[in-house]
């Protein structure tokens, strides 16, 4: 038996769209091809935004760090295998 009284009912949808957003000339699906290729979104914490102000700076730092992480990962796999 279902309990109908346990669910909260919406009193109506509020219009939460801000007036400055204008999608009247928007094109549906214009960016889907780019997302199909693969897109990752990463949120940078505000306390390090002064060090990494752009996506390029983040990528540059990660490319410099990647060989060290790969080397450490391979060493850990070898230790577990031995």
N, C-alpha and C. Protein backbone atom coordinates (compact mmCIF):
# COMPACT_ATOMS: atom_id res chain seq x y z
N UNK A 1 0.83 -1.17 0.00
CA UNK A 1 0.00 0.00 0.00
C UNK A 1 0.89 1.24 0.00
N UNK A 2 0.60 2.18 -0.88
CA UNK A 2 1.40 3.39 -0.98
C UNK A 2 0.91 4.44 0.01
N UNK A 3 1.88 5.17 0.50
CA UNK A 3 1.55 6.28 1.39
C UNK A 3 1.59 7.56 0.56
N UNK A 4 0.49 8.15 0.32
CA UNK A 4 0.42 9.36 -0.49
C UNK A 4 0.85 10.60 0.29
N UNK A 5 0.70 10.61 1.58
CA UNK A 5 0.98 11.80 2.37
C UNK A 5 2.45 12.01 2.66
N UNK A 6 3.32 11.03 2.39
CA UNK A 6 4.71 11.15 2.78
C UNK A 6 5.54 11.96 1.80
N UNK A 7 5.07 12.16 0.61
CA UNK A 7 5.81 12.93 -0.38
C UNK A 7 5.43 14.40 -0.32
N UNK A 8 6.45 15.23 -0.50
CA UNK A 8 6.18 16.66 -0.58
C UNK A 8 5.79 16.99 -2.01
N UNK A 9 4.80 17.77 -2.16
CA UNK A 9 4.36 18.16 -3.49
C UNK A 9 4.91 19.53 -3.82
N UNK A 10 5.27 19.69 -5.06
CA UNK A 10 5.75 21.00 -5.51
C UNK A 10 4.59 21.96 -5.57
N UNK A 11 4.88 23.15 -5.14
CA UNK A 11 3.83 24.17 -5.17
C UNK A 11 3.79 24.87 -6.51
N UNK A 12 4.67 24.48 -7.41
CA UNK A 12 4.72 25.10 -8.73
C UNK A 12 6.17 25.40 -9.06
N UNK A 13 6.47 25.34 -10.33
CA UNK A 13 7.84 25.63 -10.75
C UNK A 13 8.08 27.13 -10.69
N UNK A 14 9.21 27.47 -10.08
CA UNK A 14 9.60 28.87 -10.05
C UNK A 14 10.43 29.16 -11.29
N UNK A 15 10.33 30.33 -11.79
CA UNK A 15 11.16 30.74 -12.91
C UNK A 15 12.49 31.20 -12.33
N UNK A 16 13.54 30.37 -12.47
CA UNK A 16 14.83 30.68 -11.88
C UNK A 16 15.81 31.24 -12.90
N UNK A 17 15.36 31.42 -14.14
CA UNK A 17 16.23 31.97 -15.17
C UNK A 17 16.43 33.47 -14.92
N UNK A 18 17.68 33.89 -14.91
CA UNK A 18 17.97 35.30 -14.71
C UNK A 18 17.60 36.09 -15.96
N UNK A 19 17.17 37.32 -15.79
CA UNK A 19 16.75 38.12 -16.94
C UNK A 19 17.87 38.41 -17.92
N UNK A 20 19.14 38.42 -17.46
CA UNK A 20 20.24 38.74 -18.38
C UNK A 20 20.61 37.57 -19.30
N UNK A 21 20.08 36.39 -19.05
CA UNK A 21 20.34 35.24 -19.94
C UNK A 21 19.33 35.26 -21.08
N UNK A 22 19.84 35.31 -22.28
CA UNK A 22 18.97 35.37 -23.46
C UNK A 22 19.33 34.22 -24.40
N UNK A 23 18.49 33.23 -24.47
CA UNK A 23 18.72 32.08 -25.33
C UNK A 23 17.81 32.12 -26.56
N UNK A 24 17.31 33.28 -26.92
CA UNK A 24 16.37 33.38 -28.03
C UNK A 24 17.02 33.02 -29.37
N UNK A 25 18.33 33.24 -29.51
CA UNK A 25 19.02 32.89 -30.76
C UNK A 25 19.93 31.68 -30.59
N UNK A 26 19.70 30.87 -29.58
CA UNK A 26 20.53 29.70 -29.31
C UNK A 26 20.31 28.63 -30.38
N UNK A 27 21.35 27.84 -30.63
CA UNK A 27 21.28 26.75 -31.59
C UNK A 27 21.44 25.45 -30.81
N UNK A 28 20.50 24.57 -30.92
CA UNK A 28 20.52 23.33 -30.18
C UNK A 28 21.56 22.37 -30.76
N UNK A 29 22.40 21.80 -29.89
CA UNK A 29 23.35 20.78 -30.30
C UNK A 29 24.60 21.29 -30.99
N UNK A 30 24.89 22.59 -30.90
CA UNK A 30 26.02 23.15 -31.62
C UNK A 30 27.36 22.66 -31.05
N UNK A 31 27.42 22.27 -29.80
CA UNK A 31 28.68 21.82 -29.20
C UNK A 31 28.75 20.32 -28.98
N UNK A 32 27.78 19.56 -29.45
CA UNK A 32 27.78 18.12 -29.17
C UNK A 32 28.94 17.40 -29.82
N UNK A 33 29.38 17.82 -30.98
CA UNK A 33 30.52 17.15 -31.63
C UNK A 33 31.78 17.29 -30.79
N UNK A 34 31.97 18.47 -30.21
CA UNK A 34 33.15 18.68 -29.37
C UNK A 34 33.10 17.79 -28.13
N UNK A 35 31.93 17.65 -27.52
CA UNK A 35 31.81 16.79 -26.34
C UNK A 35 31.92 15.32 -26.71
N UNK A 36 31.52 14.96 -27.90
CA UNK A 36 31.65 13.56 -28.33
C UNK A 36 33.11 13.17 -28.45
N UNK A 37 33.98 14.12 -28.77
CA UNK A 37 35.41 13.84 -28.84
C UNK A 37 36.00 13.61 -27.46
N UNK A 38 35.38 14.13 -26.45
CA UNK A 38 35.85 13.96 -25.09
C UNK A 38 36.11 15.30 -24.44
N UNK A 39 35.45 15.55 -23.36
CA UNK A 39 35.65 16.80 -22.63
C UNK A 39 35.68 16.49 -21.14
N UNK A 40 36.68 17.02 -20.48
CA UNK A 40 36.79 16.87 -19.04
C UNK A 40 36.73 18.25 -18.42
N UNK A 41 35.94 18.38 -17.39
CA UNK A 41 35.84 19.64 -16.68
C UNK A 41 36.40 19.42 -15.29
N UNK A 42 37.34 20.25 -14.92
CA UNK A 42 37.95 20.17 -13.60
C UNK A 42 37.80 21.52 -12.94
N UNK A 43 37.38 21.52 -11.69
CA UNK A 43 37.20 22.77 -10.96
C UNK A 43 38.45 22.98 -10.10
N UNK A 44 39.08 24.13 -10.30
CA UNK A 44 40.28 24.48 -9.55
C UNK A 44 39.86 25.22 -8.29
N UNK A 45 40.43 24.81 -7.16
CA UNK A 45 40.13 25.49 -5.90
C UNK A 45 40.60 26.93 -5.94
N UNK A 46 39.85 27.83 -5.34
CA UNK A 46 40.18 29.26 -5.39
C UNK A 46 41.56 29.59 -4.82
N UNK A 47 42.04 28.80 -3.86
CA UNK A 47 43.32 29.13 -3.23
C UNK A 47 44.52 28.90 -4.14
N UNK A 48 44.36 28.22 -5.27
CA UNK A 48 45.49 28.02 -6.18
C UNK A 48 45.26 28.67 -7.55
N UNK A 49 44.21 29.45 -7.67
CA UNK A 49 43.95 30.13 -8.93
C UNK A 49 45.04 31.14 -9.29
N UNK A 50 45.74 31.66 -8.30
CA UNK A 50 46.82 32.59 -8.61
C UNK A 50 48.00 31.88 -9.26
N UNK A 51 48.15 30.58 -8.99
CA UNK A 51 49.23 29.79 -9.58
C UNK A 51 48.81 29.26 -10.96
N UNK A 52 47.54 28.88 -11.10
CA UNK A 52 47.02 28.31 -12.34
C UNK A 52 45.86 29.16 -12.86
N UNK A 53 46.15 30.30 -13.47
CA UNK A 53 45.06 31.17 -13.92
C UNK A 53 44.36 30.69 -15.18
N UNK A 54 45.01 29.81 -15.97
CA UNK A 54 44.40 29.35 -17.22
C UNK A 54 44.46 27.83 -17.32
N UNK A 55 43.68 27.29 -18.22
CA UNK A 55 43.72 25.86 -18.47
C UNK A 55 45.07 25.42 -19.01
N UNK A 56 45.70 26.29 -19.80
CA UNK A 56 47.02 25.95 -20.35
C UNK A 56 48.06 25.80 -19.25
N UNK A 57 47.99 26.67 -18.23
CA UNK A 57 48.96 26.56 -17.13
C UNK A 57 48.76 25.28 -16.33
N UNK A 58 47.53 24.86 -16.17
CA UNK A 58 47.25 23.60 -15.49
C UNK A 58 47.80 22.44 -16.30
N UNK A 59 47.54 22.44 -17.61
CA UNK A 59 48.04 21.37 -18.47
C UNK A 59 49.55 21.32 -18.49
N UNK A 60 50.20 22.46 -18.52
CA UNK A 60 51.66 22.50 -18.51
C UNK A 60 52.21 21.88 -17.23
N UNK A 61 51.63 22.21 -16.10
CA UNK A 61 52.09 21.65 -14.82
C UNK A 61 51.84 20.15 -14.76
N UNK A 62 50.69 19.70 -15.24
CA UNK A 62 50.39 18.28 -15.22
C UNK A 62 51.29 17.49 -16.16
N UNK A 63 51.62 18.07 -17.31
CA UNK A 63 52.55 17.39 -18.22
C UNK A 63 53.94 17.26 -17.61
N UNK A 64 54.36 18.25 -16.83
CA UNK A 64 55.66 18.18 -16.16
C UNK A 64 55.63 17.14 -15.04
N UNK A 65 54.51 16.99 -14.39
CA UNK A 65 54.39 16.06 -13.26
C UNK A 65 54.09 14.62 -13.70
N UNK A 66 53.51 14.45 -14.87
CA UNK A 66 53.07 13.12 -15.32
C UNK A 66 54.19 12.09 -15.37
N UNK A 67 55.40 12.39 -15.89
CA UNK A 67 56.45 11.36 -15.92
C UNK A 67 56.82 10.84 -14.53
N UNK A 68 56.83 11.73 -13.55
CA UNK A 68 57.14 11.31 -12.17
C UNK A 68 56.06 10.38 -11.65
N UNK A 69 54.80 10.72 -11.87
CA UNK A 69 53.71 9.87 -11.40
C UNK A 69 53.70 8.52 -12.11
N UNK A 70 53.98 8.53 -13.42
CA UNK A 70 54.04 7.25 -14.15
C UNK A 70 55.17 6.38 -13.64
N UNK A 71 56.32 6.97 -13.38
CA UNK A 71 57.46 6.21 -12.87
C UNK A 71 57.14 5.62 -11.49
N UNK A 72 56.51 6.41 -10.62
CA UNK A 72 56.14 5.91 -9.29
C UNK A 72 55.10 4.80 -9.38
N UNK A 73 54.18 4.91 -10.32
CA UNK A 73 53.15 3.89 -10.49
C UNK A 73 53.77 2.57 -10.95
N UNK A 74 54.71 2.66 -11.91
CA UNK A 74 55.38 1.45 -12.39
C UNK A 74 56.19 0.80 -11.29
N UNK A 75 56.86 1.60 -10.46
CA UNK A 75 57.65 1.05 -9.37
C UNK A 75 56.75 0.36 -8.35
N UNK A 76 55.57 0.91 -8.08
CA UNK A 76 54.65 0.30 -7.13
C UNK A 76 54.11 -1.01 -7.66
N UNK A 77 53.85 -1.09 -8.97
CA UNK A 77 53.36 -2.33 -9.58
C UNK A 77 54.45 -3.40 -9.49
N UNK A 78 55.70 -3.02 -9.74
CA UNK A 78 56.80 -3.99 -9.63
C UNK A 78 56.95 -4.51 -8.22
N UNK A 79 56.81 -3.63 -7.22
CA UNK A 79 56.93 -4.07 -5.82
C UNK A 79 55.83 -5.05 -5.47
N UNK A 80 54.62 -4.83 -5.95
CA UNK A 80 53.52 -5.74 -5.65
C UNK A 80 53.69 -7.07 -6.35
N UNK A 81 54.31 -7.05 -7.55
CA UNK A 81 54.48 -8.28 -8.33
C UNK A 81 55.60 -9.15 -7.76
N UNK A 82 56.57 -8.54 -7.14
CA UNK A 82 57.73 -9.29 -6.65
C UNK A 82 57.47 -10.03 -5.38
